[in-house]
């Protein structure tokens, strides 16, 4: 009996760890009558559920973000992923840069907060729904990424419950038109996995006419206000130095914190491959600046990665 119970427990655990449809060809088995559209899991909680209120909220954040002109070719932005009450204004500093630009494809890279899984997962669903409409997924690019390496998978259920990518979409819908996305989540954030993803992203972006990379990450979690600022200052310094290896080591030593450290490192590595030489920290704040409660705060930054001049080393 004891062995039987143990066997049942092992079986149940196997479903817990891998409850996903990992079949790379399963996408073609379903229709596109809405079932492939990922519904919003954040509308009405992390951001407003009303389209009018959501659009008004995002536009207000964008209009309050004053960003000086930055010379160079924009390759990527780094943005937080908390509820809009906490990090919406910070994120707006990065998204303000996209006004007037014509990116047609956005590759979003974020961490998996809720479900552990090996490697990397790219989402092959047809689109993501928000109160502002459906954002289409560039499935051709997503499938191309999927087939580049055996460590890249499609775990649909991982994307179904993850907030770090969806939270970016209303901002994108407010500053870009006629664009598609490629949603990527990292289940592992070791340097080897970051480097793998960076190689793939650089290859995709190099052949693209108009692609933006986005790294989604919050910074330190649940420290005092003063300690958070110290930890986050170290993170920001290494990001501005375009030092992904140093950032990885600093995260490992506890000199700084970021739930999306892997996505930031992967995007920085990819941008360096694409000729980017500088990253500007556009704005920093933490939850204590919003709520006034400074005992346990979460840090947020907005950043932008550029080539050194308006002349792109990879001409469009």
C-alpha atoms as a PDB file:
ATOM      1  CA  UNK A   1       0.000   0.000   0.000  1.00  0.00           C
ATOM      2  CA  UNK A   2       2.789   2.383   0.900  1.00  0.00           C
ATOM      3  CA  UNK A   3       4.464   1.809  -2.476  1.00  0.00           C
ATOM      4  CA  UNK A   4       1.152   2.402  -4.237  1.00  0.00           C
ATOM      5  CA  UNK A   5       0.644   5.701  -2.420  1.00  0.00           C
ATOM      6  CA  UNK A   6       4.197   6.777  -3.249  1.00  0.00           C
ATOM      7  CA  UNK A   7       3.634   5.890  -6.909  1.00  0.00           C
ATOM      8  CA  UNK A   8       0.460   7.966  -7.001  1.00  0.00           C
ATOM      9  CA  UNK A   9       2.249  10.910  -5.385  1.00  0.00           C
ATOM     10  CA  UNK A  10       5.053  10.728  -7.939  1.00  0.00           C
ATOM     11  CA  UNK A  11       2.526  10.654 -10.746  1.00  0.00           C
ATOM     12  CA  UNK A  12       0.700  13.676  -9.346  1.00  0.00           C
ATOM     13  CA  UNK A  13       3.957  15.558  -8.924  1.00  0.00           C
ATOM     14  CA  UNK A  14       4.873  14.861 -12.515  1.00  0.00           C
ATOM     15  CA  UNK A  15       1.644  16.548 -13.596  1.00  0.00           C
ATOM     16  CA  UNK A  16       2.399  19.489 -11.308  1.00  0.00           C
ATOM     17  CA  UNK A  17       5.817  20.103 -12.737  1.00  0.00           C
ATOM     18  CA  UNK A  18       4.904  19.529 -16.354  1.00  0.00           C
ATOM     19  CA  UNK A  19       1.178  20.177 -16.844  1.00  0.00           C
ATOM     20  CA  UNK A  20       1.890  21.768 -20.189  1.00  0.00           C
ATOM     21  CA  UNK A  21       1.249  20.851 -23.780  1.00  0.00           C
ATOM     22  CA  UNK A  22       4.860  20.654 -24.896  1.00  0.00           C
ATOM     23  CA  UNK A  23       4.122  19.228 -28.332  1.00  0.00           C
ATOM     24  CA  UNK A  24       5.650  21.653 -30.817  1.00  0.00           C
ATOM     25  CA  UNK A  25       3.213  20.546 -33.559  1.00  0.00           C
ATOM     26  CA  UNK A  26       0.081  20.741 -31.412  1.00  0.00           C
ATOM     27  CA  UNK A  27      -0.564  24.350 -32.404  1.00  0.00           C
ATOM     28  CA  UNK A  28      -2.046  23.330 -35.747  1.00  0.00           C
ATOM     29  CA  UNK A  29      -4.572  20.999 -34.132  1.00  0.00           C
ATOM     30  CA  UNK A  30      -6.853  23.755 -32.838  1.00  0.00           C
ATOM     31  CA  UNK A  31      -8.890  26.406 -34.607  1.00  0.00           C
ATOM     32  CA  UNK A  32      -8.480  30.154 -34.326  1.00  0.00           C
ATOM     33  CA  UNK A  33     -12.012  30.976 -33.180  1.00  0.00           C
ATOM     34  CA  UNK A  34     -10.914  32.671 -29.996  1.00  0.00           C
ATOM     35  CA  UNK A  35      -9.392  29.670 -28.256  1.00  0.00           C
ATOM     36  CA  UNK A  36      -5.912  30.752 -29.298  1.00  0.00           C
ATOM     37  CA  UNK A  37      -6.359  34.245 -27.890  1.00  0.00           C
ATOM     38  CA  UNK A  38      -4.896  34.484 -24.405  1.00  0.00           C
ATOM     39  CA  UNK A  39      -7.402  36.323 -22.189  1.00  0.00           C
ATOM     40  CA  UNK A  40      -6.280  39.067 -19.858  1.00  0.00           C
ATOM     41  CA  UNK A  41      -5.565  37.944 -16.303  1.00  0.00           C
ATOM     42  CA  UNK A  42      -4.774  41.459 -15.053  1.00  0.00           C
ATOM     43  CA  UNK A  43      -7.597  43.697 -16.295  1.00  0.00           C
ATOM     44  CA  UNK A  44      -9.524  45.161 -13.401  1.00  0.00           C
ATOM     45  CA  UNK A  45      -6.819  44.394 -10.861  1.00  0.00           C
ATOM     46  CA  UNK A  46      -3.287  45.231 -11.968  1.00  0.00           C
ATOM     47  CA  UNK A  47      -4.569  47.801 -14.451  1.00  0.00           C
ATOM     48  CA  UNK A  48      -8.057  49.216 -15.171  1.00  0.00           C
ATOM     49  CA  UNK A  49     -10.556  46.906 -16.832  1.00  0.00           C
ATOM     50  CA  UNK A  50     -12.436  49.697 -18.601  1.00  0.00           C
ATOM     51  CA  UNK A  51     -10.942  50.528 -22.035  1.00  0.00           C
ATOM     52  CA  UNK A  52     -11.580  54.255 -21.578  1.00  0.00           C
ATOM     53  CA  UNK A  53     -10.114  54.397 -18.083  1.00  0.00           C
ATOM     54  CA  UNK A  54      -7.153  52.228 -19.084  1.00  0.00           C
ATOM     55  CA  UNK A  55      -6.338  54.399 -22.097  1.00  0.00           C
ATOM     56  CA  UNK A  56      -6.702  57.566 -20.024  1.00  0.00           C
ATOM     57  CA  UNK A  57      -4.466  56.106 -17.290  1.00  0.00           C
ATOM     58  CA  UNK A  58      -1.705  55.055 -19.677  1.00  0.00           C
ATOM     59  CA  UNK A  59      -1.809  58.350 -21.571  1.00  0.00           C
ATOM     60  CA  UNK A  60      -1.518  60.255 -18.299  1.00  0.00           C
ATOM     61  CA  UNK A  61       1.587  58.271 -17.340  1.00  0.00           C
ATOM     62  CA  UNK A  62       3.107  58.876 -20.771  1.00  0.00           C
ATOM     63  CA  UNK A  63       2.372  62.593 -20.729  1.00  0.00           C
ATOM     64  CA  UNK A  64       3.986  62.970 -17.295  1.00  0.00           C
ATOM     65  CA  UNK A  65       7.177  61.201 -18.415  1.00  0.00           C
ATOM     66  CA  UNK A  66       9.674  63.786 -19.595  1.00  0.00           C
ATOM     67  CA  UNK A  67      12.514  62.101 -21.454  1.00  0.00           C
ATOM     68  CA  UNK A  68      15.360  64.148 -22.980  1.00  0.00           C
ATOM     69  CA  UNK A  69      16.308  63.459 -26.611  1.00  0.00           C
ATOM     70  CA  UNK A  70      18.627  60.469 -26.865  1.00  0.00           C
ATOM     71  CA  UNK A  71      20.843  60.075 -29.905  1.00  0.00           C
ATOM     72  CA  UNK A  72      21.343  56.650 -31.398  1.00  0.00           C
ATOM     73  CA  UNK A  73      19.316  53.760 -32.715  1.00  0.00           C
ATOM     74  CA  UNK A  74      16.981  52.281 -30.104  1.00  0.00           C
ATOM     75  CA  UNK A  75      17.405  48.529 -29.741  1.00  0.00           C
ATOM     76  CA  UNK A  76      15.681  47.669 -26.459  1.00  0.00           C
ATOM     77  CA  UNK A  77      13.950  48.959 -23.373  1.00  0.00           C
ATOM     78  CA  UNK A  78      13.963  47.678 -19.803  1.00  0.00           C
ATOM     79  CA  UNK A  79      10.683  48.053 -17.933  1.00  0.00           C
ATOM     80  CA  UNK A  80       9.103  46.961 -14.625  1.00  0.00           C
ATOM     81  CA  UNK A  81       6.078  44.684 -14.371  1.00  0.00           C
ATOM     82  CA  UNK A  82       4.212  45.541 -11.171  1.00  0.00           C
ATOM     83  CA  UNK A  83       0.648  46.819 -11.083  1.00  0.00           C
ATOM     84  CA  UNK A  84       0.252  50.207 -12.711  1.00  0.00           C
ATOM     85  CA  UNK A  85      -0.358  51.899  -9.364  1.00  0.00           C
ATOM     86  CA  UNK A  86       3.175  50.998  -8.337  1.00  0.00           C
ATOM     87  CA  UNK A  87       5.311  50.953 -11.493  1.00  0.00           C
ATOM     88  CA  UNK A  88       3.186  52.396 -14.289  1.00  0.00           C
ATOM     89  CA  UNK A  89       4.772  55.823 -14.092  1.00  0.00           C
ATOM     90  CA  UNK A  90       8.280  54.349 -14.157  1.00  0.00           C
ATOM     91  CA  UNK A  91       7.487  52.182 -17.181  1.00  0.00           C
ATOM     92  CA  UNK A  92       6.105  55.230 -18.998  1.00  0.00           C
ATOM     93  CA  UNK A  93       9.585  56.762 -19.206  1.00  0.00           C
ATOM     94  CA  UNK A  94      10.703  53.926 -21.467  1.00  0.00           C
ATOM     95  CA  UNK A  95       7.496  53.719 -23.451  1.00  0.00           C
ATOM     96  CA  UNK A  96       7.529  57.468 -24.074  1.00  0.00           C
ATOM     97  CA  UNK A  97      10.555  56.839 -26.311  1.00  0.00           C
ATOM     98  CA  UNK A  98       8.399  54.736 -28.634  1.00  0.00           C
ATOM     99  CA  UNK A  99       6.097  57.580 -29.578  1.00  0.00           C
ATOM    100  CA  UNK A 100       6.743  58.468 -33.200  1.00  0.00           C
ATOM    101  CA  UNK A 101       8.716  55.282 -33.853  1.00  0.00           C
ATOM    102  CA  UNK A 102       7.557  52.542 -36.205  1.00  0.00           C
ATOM    103  CA  UNK A 103       8.465  49.247 -34.583  1.00  0.00           C
ATOM    104  CA  UNK A 104       6.362  46.506 -36.165  1.00  0.00           C
ATOM    105  CA  UNK A 105       7.564  43.581 -34.072  1.00  0.00           C
ATOM    106  CA  UNK A 106       8.239  43.554 -30.339  1.00  0.00           C
ATOM    107  CA  UNK A 107       9.994  40.637 -28.662  1.00  0.00           C
ATOM    108  CA  UNK A 108       9.135  40.561 -24.952  1.00  0.00           C
ATOM    109  CA  UNK A 109      11.324  38.619 -22.536  1.00  0.00           C
ATOM    110  CA  UNK A 110      10.234  38.072 -18.956  1.00  0.00           C
ATOM    111  CA  UNK A 111      10.688  35.691 -16.022  1.00  0.00           C
ATOM    112  CA  UNK A 112       8.249  32.973 -14.999  1.00  0.00           C
ATOM    113  CA  UNK A 113       7.002  33.843 -11.515  1.00  0.00           C
ATOM    114  CA  UNK A 114       4.458  31.108 -10.894  1.00  0.00           C
ATOM    115  CA  UNK A 115       5.411  27.949 -12.773  1.00  0.00           C
ATOM    116  CA  UNK A 116       8.894  26.384 -12.839  1.00  0.00           C
ATOM    117  CA  UNK A 117      10.049  24.850 -16.112  1.00  0.00           C
ATOM    118  CA  UNK A 118      13.328  24.035 -17.866  1.00  0.00           C
ATOM    119  CA  UNK A 119      14.871  26.370 -20.416  1.00  0.00           C
ATOM    120  CA  UNK A 120      12.856  28.936 -22.343  1.00  0.00           C
ATOM    121  CA  UNK A 121       9.234  29.053 -23.497  1.00  0.00           C
ATOM    122  CA  UNK A 122       7.930  30.981 -26.508  1.00  0.00           C
ATOM    123  CA  UNK A 123       4.178  31.393 -26.836  1.00  0.00           C
ATOM    124  CA  UNK A 124       2.486  30.235 -30.053  1.00  0.00           C
ATOM    125  CA  UNK A 125      -1.007  31.466 -29.239  1.00  0.00           C
ATOM    126  CA  UNK A 126      -2.544  33.754 -31.856  1.00  0.00           C
ATOM    127  CA  UNK A 127      -2.722  36.828 -29.656  1.00  0.00           C
ATOM    128  CA  UNK A 128      -3.125  38.465 -26.255  1.00  0.00           C
ATOM    129  CA  UNK A 129      -6.346  40.229 -25.319  1.00  0.00           C
ATOM    130  CA  UNK A 130      -6.445  43.400 -23.227  1.00  0.00           C
ATOM    131  CA  UNK A 131      -9.298  45.900 -22.787  1.00  0.00           C
ATOM    132  CA  UNK A 132      -7.704  47.866 -25.653  1.00  0.00           C
ATOM    133  CA  UNK A 133      -8.024  44.959 -28.095  1.00  0.00           C
ATOM    134  CA  UNK A 134      -6.075  41.923 -29.245  1.00  0.00           C
ATOM    135  CA  UNK A 135      -2.322  42.135 -29.828  1.00  0.00           C
ATOM    136  CA  UNK A 136      -1.349  39.561 -32.471  1.00  0.00           C
ATOM    137  CA  UNK A 137       1.537  37.179 -31.927  1.00  0.00           C
ATOM    138  CA  UNK A 138       4.069  36.891 -34.737  1.00  0.00           C
ATOM    139  CA  UNK A 139       3.738  33.128 -34.927  1.00  0.00           C
ATOM    140  CA  UNK A 140       6.197  32.743 -37.806  1.00  0.00           C
ATOM    141  CA  UNK A 141       8.956  34.317 -35.720  1.00  0.00           C
ATOM    142  CA  UNK A 142       7.836  32.467 -32.598  1.00  0.00           C
ATOM    143  CA  UNK A 143       7.995  29.130 -34.406  1.00  0.00           C
ATOM    144  CA  UNK A 144      11.388  30.001 -35.894  1.00  0.00           C
ATOM    145  CA  UNK A 145      12.710  30.701 -32.394  1.00  0.00           C
ATOM    146  CA  UNK A 146      11.096  27.520 -31.081  1.00  0.00           C
ATOM    147  CA  UNK A 147      12.962  25.335 -33.549  1.00  0.00           C
ATOM    148  CA  UNK A 148      16.410  26.877 -33.052  1.00  0.00           C
ATOM    149  CA  UNK A 149      17.314  24.827 -29.975  1.00  0.00           C
ATOM    150  CA  UNK A 150      15.952  21.902 -27.979  1.00  0.00           C
ATOM    151  CA  UNK A 151      16.027  24.020 -24.809  1.00  0.00           C
ATOM    152  CA  UNK A 152      13.375  26.329 -26.242  1.00  0.00           C
ATOM    153  CA  UNK A 153       9.813  25.041 -25.804  1.00  0.00           C
ATOM    154  CA  UNK A 154       6.180  26.051 -25.960  1.00  0.00           C
ATOM    155  CA  UNK A 155       4.615  25.580 -22.530  1.00  0.00           C
ATOM    156  CA  UNK A 156       1.206  27.177 -23.017  1.00  0.00           C
ATOM    157  CA  UNK A 157       0.111  26.984 -19.379  1.00  0.00           C
ATOM    158  CA  UNK A 158       3.200  28.877 -18.241  1.00  0.00           C
ATOM    159  CA  UNK A 159       2.147  31.880 -20.328  1.00  0.00           C
ATOM    160  CA  UNK A 160      -1.475  31.580 -19.213  1.00  0.00           C
ATOM    161  CA  UNK A 161      -0.675  32.612 -15.623  1.00  0.00           C
ATOM    162  CA  UNK A 162       2.321  34.927 -16.076  1.00  0.00           C
ATOM    163  CA  UNK A 163       1.902  38.692 -15.625  1.00  0.00           C
ATOM    164  CA  UNK A 164       5.319  40.066 -16.604  1.00  0.00           C
ATOM    165  CA  UNK A 165       4.523  40.266 -20.335  1.00  0.00           C
ATOM    166  CA  UNK A 166       0.825  41.108 -20.365  1.00  0.00           C
ATOM    167  CA  UNK A 167       1.402  44.121 -18.131  1.00  0.00           C
ATOM    168  CA  UNK A 168       3.424  45.710 -20.976  1.00  0.00           C
ATOM    169  CA  UNK A 169       0.735  45.448 -23.639  1.00  0.00           C
ATOM    170  CA  UNK A 170      -1.549  48.428 -22.878  1.00  0.00           C
ATOM    171  CA  UNK A 171       1.525  50.680 -23.050  1.00  0.00           C
ATOM    172  CA  UNK A 172       2.540  49.183 -26.389  1.00  0.00           C
ATOM    173  CA  UNK A 173      -1.013  49.538 -27.672  1.00  0.00           C
ATOM    174  CA  UNK A 174      -0.896  53.222 -26.733  1.00  0.00           C
ATOM    175  CA  UNK A 175       2.373  54.113 -28.482  1.00  0.00           C
ATOM    176  CA  UNK A 176       2.612  51.745 -31.486  1.00  0.00           C
ATOM    177  CA  UNK A 177       0.292  50.792 -34.329  1.00  0.00           C
ATOM    178  CA  UNK A 178       0.090  47.685 -36.495  1.00  0.00           C
ATOM    179  CA  UNK A 179       2.610  45.712 -34.474  1.00  0.00           C
ATOM    180  CA  UNK A 180       2.908  42.106 -33.370  1.00  0.00           C
ATOM    181  CA  UNK A 181       4.651  40.502 -30.425  1.00  0.00           C
ATOM    182  CA  UNK A 182       6.785  37.468 -29.658  1.00  0.00           C
ATOM    183  CA  UNK A 183       6.246  36.513 -25.978  1.00  0.00           C
ATOM    184  CA  UNK A 184       9.179  34.687 -24.337  1.00  0.00           C
ATOM    185  CA  UNK A 185       9.500  33.485 -20.744  1.00  0.00           C
ATOM    186  CA  UNK A 186      12.639  32.227 -19.045  1.00  0.00           C
ATOM    187  CA  UNK A 187      12.259  29.240 -16.718  1.00  0.00           C
ATOM    188  CA  UNK A 188      16.016  29.213 -16.089  1.00  0.00           C
ATOM    189  CA  UNK A 189      18.141  32.328 -15.680  1.00  0.00           C
ATOM    190  CA  UNK A 190      21.654  30.869 -15.596  1.00  0.00           C
ATOM    191  CA  UNK A 191      24.205  32.573 -17.809  1.00  0.00           C
ATOM    192  CA  UNK A 192      24.271  29.753 -20.356  1.00  0.00           C
ATOM    193  CA  UNK A 193      20.515  30.090 -20.912  1.00  0.00           C
ATOM    194  CA  UNK A 194      20.826  33.875 -21.152  1.00  0.00           C
ATOM    195  CA  UNK A 195      23.596  33.537 -23.753  1.00  0.00           C
ATOM    196  CA  UNK A 196      21.560  31.018 -25.748  1.00  0.00           C
ATOM    197  CA  UNK A 197      18.567  33.329 -25.886  1.00  0.00           C
ATOM    198  CA  UNK A 198      20.783  36.306 -26.740  1.00  0.00           C
ATOM    199  CA  UNK A 199      22.233  34.497 -29.768  1.00  0.00           C
ATOM    200  CA  UNK A 200      18.764  33.644 -31.016  1.00  0.00           C
ATOM    201  CA  UNK A 201      17.419  37.155 -30.463  1.00  0.00           C
ATOM    202  CA  UNK A 202      20.391  38.795 -32.183  1.00  0.00           C
ATOM    203  CA  UNK A 203      19.937  36.571 -35.200  1.00  0.00           C
ATOM    204  CA  UNK A 204      16.227  37.403 -35.428  1.00  0.00           C
ATOM    205  CA  UNK A 205      16.662  41.143 -34.921  1.00  0.00           C
ATOM    206  CA  UNK A 206      19.574  41.402 -37.350  1.00  0.00           C
ATOM    207  CA  UNK A 207      17.340  40.179 -40.159  1.00  0.00           C
ATOM    208  CA  UNK A 208      14.426  42.407 -39.159  1.00  0.00           C
ATOM    209  CA  UNK A 209      13.400  45.764 -40.520  1.00  0.00           C
ATOM    210  CA  UNK A 210      11.850  47.018 -37.319  1.00  0.00           C
ATOM    211  CA  UNK A 211      12.095  44.959 -34.142  1.00  0.00           C
ATOM    212  CA  UNK A 212      12.293  46.135 -30.544  1.00  0.00           C
ATOM    213  CA  UNK A 213      13.460  44.014 -27.625  1.00  0.00           C
ATOM    214  CA  UNK A 214      11.866  44.410 -24.191  1.00  0.00           C
ATOM    215  CA  UNK A 215      13.280  43.034 -20.947  1.00  0.00           C
ATOM    216  CA  UNK A 216      10.695  42.868 -18.153  1.00  0.00           C
ATOM    217  CA  UNK A 217      11.997  43.014 -14.594  1.00  0.00           C
ATOM    218  CA  UNK A 218      11.422  44.523 -11.188  1.00  0.00           C
ATOM    219  CA  UNK A 219      14.456  45.117  -8.972  1.00  0.00           C
ATOM    220  CA  UNK A 220      14.982  44.465  -5.245  1.00  0.00           C
ATOM    221  CA  UNK A 221      12.105  43.037  -3.237  1.00  0.00           C
ATOM    222  CA  UNK A 222      10.932  43.752   0.311  1.00  0.00           C
ATOM    223  CA  UNK A 223      13.904  45.578   1.774  1.00  0.00           C
ATOM    224  CA  UNK A 224      13.862  48.868   3.636  1.00  0.00           C
ATOM    225  CA  UNK A 225      13.762  51.978   1.480  1.00  0.00           C
ATOM    226  CA  UNK A 226      17.440  52.771   2.071  1.00  0.00           C
ATOM    227  CA  UNK A 227      18.627  49.195   1.483  1.00  0.00           C
ATOM    228  CA  UNK A 228      16.531  48.923  -1.684  1.00  0.00           C
ATOM    229  CA  UNK A 229      18.079  52.069  -3.111  1.00  0.00           C
ATOM    230  CA  UNK A 230      21.551  50.728  -2.384  1.00  0.00           C
ATOM    231  CA  UNK A 231      20.861  47.375  -4.062  1.00  0.00           C
ATOM    232  CA  UNK A 232      19.115  48.952  -7.031  1.00  0.00           C
ATOM    233  CA  UNK A 233      21.870  51.509  -7.545  1.00  0.00           C
ATOM    234  CA  UNK A 234      24.305  48.624  -8.058  1.00  0.00           C
ATOM    235  CA  UNK A 235      21.979  46.969 -10.581  1.00  0.00           C
ATOM    236  CA  UNK A 236      21.482  50.196 -12.512  1.00  0.00           C
ATOM    237  CA  UNK A 237      25.224  50.916 -12.559  1.00  0.00           C
ATOM    238  CA  UNK A 238      25.981  47.548 -14.185  1.00  0.00           C
ATOM    239  CA  UNK A 239      23.155  47.910 -16.684  1.00  0.00           C
ATOM    240  CA  UNK A 240      24.351  51.375 -17.702  1.00  0.00           C
ATOM    241  CA  UNK A 241      27.866  49.969 -18.025  1.00  0.00           C
ATOM    242  CA  UNK A 242      26.499  47.381 -20.490  1.00  0.00           C
ATOM    243  CA  UNK A 243      28.133  44.686 -18.356  1.00  0.00           C
ATOM    244  CA  UNK A 244      25.875  41.603 -18.490  1.00  0.00           C
ATOM    245  CA  UNK A 245      28.563  39.272 -17.139  1.00  0.00           C
ATOM    246  CA  UNK A 246      29.252  41.586 -14.220  1.00  0.00           C
ATOM    247  CA  UNK A 247      25.523  41.883 -13.601  1.00  0.00           C
ATOM    248  CA  UNK A 248      25.134  38.111 -13.517  1.00  0.00           C
ATOM    249  CA  UNK A 249      27.939  37.809 -10.970  1.00  0.00           C
ATOM    250  CA  UNK A 250      26.573  40.649  -8.844  1.00  0.00           C
ATOM    251  CA  UNK A 251      23.128  39.050  -8.771  1.00  0.00           C
ATOM    252  CA  UNK A 252      24.692  35.762  -7.724  1.00  0.00           C
ATOM    253  CA  UNK A 253      26.621  37.447  -4.913  1.00  0.00           C
ATOM    254  CA  UNK A 254      23.546  39.282  -3.647  1.00  0.00           C
ATOM    255  CA  UNK A 255      24.940  42.715  -4.470  1.00  0.00           C
ATOM    256  CA  UNK A 256      21.664  43.482  -6.244  1.00  0.00           C
ATOM    257  CA  UNK A 257      18.357  41.777  -6.979  1.00  0.00           C
ATOM    258  CA  UNK A 258      15.996  41.442  -9.936  1.00  0.00           C
ATOM    259  CA  UNK A 259      13.311  38.846 -10.555  1.00  0.00           C
ATOM    260  CA  UNK A 260      13.938  39.362 -14.267  1.00  0.00           C
ATOM    261  CA  UNK A 261      17.707  39.487 -14.079  1.00  0.00           C
ATOM    262  CA  UNK A 262      17.972  36.757 -16.729  1.00  0.00           C
ATOM    263  CA  UNK A 263      15.781  38.610 -19.248  1.00  0.00           C
ATOM    264  CA  UNK A 264      17.787  41.810 -18.710  1.00  0.00           C
ATOM    265  CA  UNK A 265      21.086  39.952 -19.156  1.00  0.00           C
ATOM    266  CA  UNK A 266      19.833  38.142 -22.275  1.00  0.00           C
ATOM    267  CA  UNK A 267      18.623  41.381 -23.857  1.00  0.00           C
ATOM    268  CA  UNK A 268      21.867  43.208 -23.016  1.00  0.00           C
ATOM    269  CA  UNK A 269      23.898  40.383 -24.538  1.00  0.00           C
ATOM    270  CA  UNK A 270      21.741  40.421 -27.658  1.00  0.00           C
ATOM    271  CA  UNK A 271      22.038  44.192 -27.981  1.00  0.00           C
ATOM    272  CA  UNK A 272      25.820  44.033 -27.698  1.00  0.00           C
ATOM    273  CA  UNK A 273      25.823  41.534 -30.560  1.00  0.00           C
ATOM    274  CA  UNK A 274      23.762  44.047 -32.529  1.00  0.00           C
ATOM    275  CA  UNK A 275      26.247  46.852 -31.978  1.00  0.00           C
ATOM    276  CA  UNK A 276      24.660  48.611 -29.010  1.00  0.00           C
ATOM    277  CA  UNK A 277      27.185  50.378 -26.810  1.00  0.00           C
ATOM    278  CA  UNK A 278      25.195  52.234 -24.191  1.00  0.00           C
ATOM    279  CA  UNK A 279      22.201  51.938 -21.917  1.00  0.00           C
ATOM    280  CA  UNK A 280      20.531  54.946 -20.351  1.00  0.00           C
ATOM    281  CA  UNK A 281      18.688  54.667 -17.060  1.00  0.00           C
ATOM    282  CA  UNK A 282      15.661  56.855 -17.718  1.00  0.00           C
ATOM    283  CA  UNK A 283      13.966  56.738 -14.321  1.00  0.00           C
ATOM    284  CA  UNK A 284      14.073  54.933 -10.994  1.00  0.00           C
ATOM    285  CA  UNK A 285      11.617  54.702  -8.114  1.00  0.00           C
ATOM    286  CA  UNK A 286      10.340  52.138  -5.673  1.00  0.00           C
ATOM    287  CA  UNK A 287       6.963  51.319  -4.211  1.00  0.00           C
ATOM    288  CA  UNK A 288       7.741  53.423  -1.157  1.00  0.00           C
ATOM    289  CA  UNK A 289       7.765  56.528  -3.355  1.00  0.00           C
ATOM    290  CA  UNK A 290       4.167  55.749  -4.326  1.00  0.00           C
ATOM    291  CA  UNK A 291       2.630  54.438  -1.131  1.00  0.00           C
ATOM    292  CA  UNK A 292       4.763  56.204   1.471  1.00  0.00           C
ATOM    293  CA  UNK A 293       5.299  52.852   3.194  1.00  0.00           C
ATOM    294  CA  UNK A 294       9.064  52.425   3.288  1.00  0.00           C
ATOM    295  CA  UNK A 295       9.604  49.370   5.475  1.00  0.00           C
ATOM    296  CA  UNK A 296       9.306  46.799   2.644  1.00  0.00           C
ATOM    297  CA  UNK A 297       9.582  48.166  -0.868  1.00  0.00           C
ATOM    298  CA  UNK A 298      10.076  46.906  -4.432  1.00  0.00           C
ATOM    299  CA  UNK A 299      12.382  48.708  -6.854  1.00  0.00           C
ATOM    300  CA  UNK A 300      11.616  49.693 -10.457  1.00  0.00           C
ATOM    301  CA  UNK A 301      13.682  51.140 -13.298  1.00  0.00           C
ATOM    302  CA  UNK A 302      13.123  52.187 -16.885  1.00  0.00           C
ATOM    303  CA  UNK A 303      16.035  51.933 -19.279  1.00  0.00           C
ATOM    304  CA  UNK A 304      16.843  52.131 -22.972  1.00  0.00           C
ATOM    305  CA  UNK A 305      19.612  50.462 -24.968  1.00  0.00           C
ATOM    306  CA  UNK A 306      21.034  52.276 -27.996  1.00  0.00           C
ATOM    307  CA  UNK A 307      23.732  52.095 -30.613  1.00  0.00           C
ATOM    308  CA  UNK A 308      26.251  54.872 -30.171  1.00  0.00           C
ATOM    309  CA  UNK A 309      24.897  57.063 -32.968  1.00  0.00           C
ATOM    310  CA  UNK A 310      22.027  57.445 -35.388  1.00  0.00           C
ATOM    311  CA  UNK A 311      23.968  55.345 -37.864  1.00  0.00           C
ATOM    312  CA  UNK A 312      22.859  51.788 -37.217  1.00  0.00           C
ATOM    313  CA  UNK A 313      25.675  49.223 -37.640  1.00  0.00           C
ATOM    314  CA  UNK A 314      22.986  46.874 -38.953  1.00  0.00           C
ATOM    315  CA  UNK A 315      21.267  49.118 -41.524  1.00  0.00           C
ATOM    316  CA  UNK A 316      17.579  48.665 -42.122  1.00  0.00           C
END
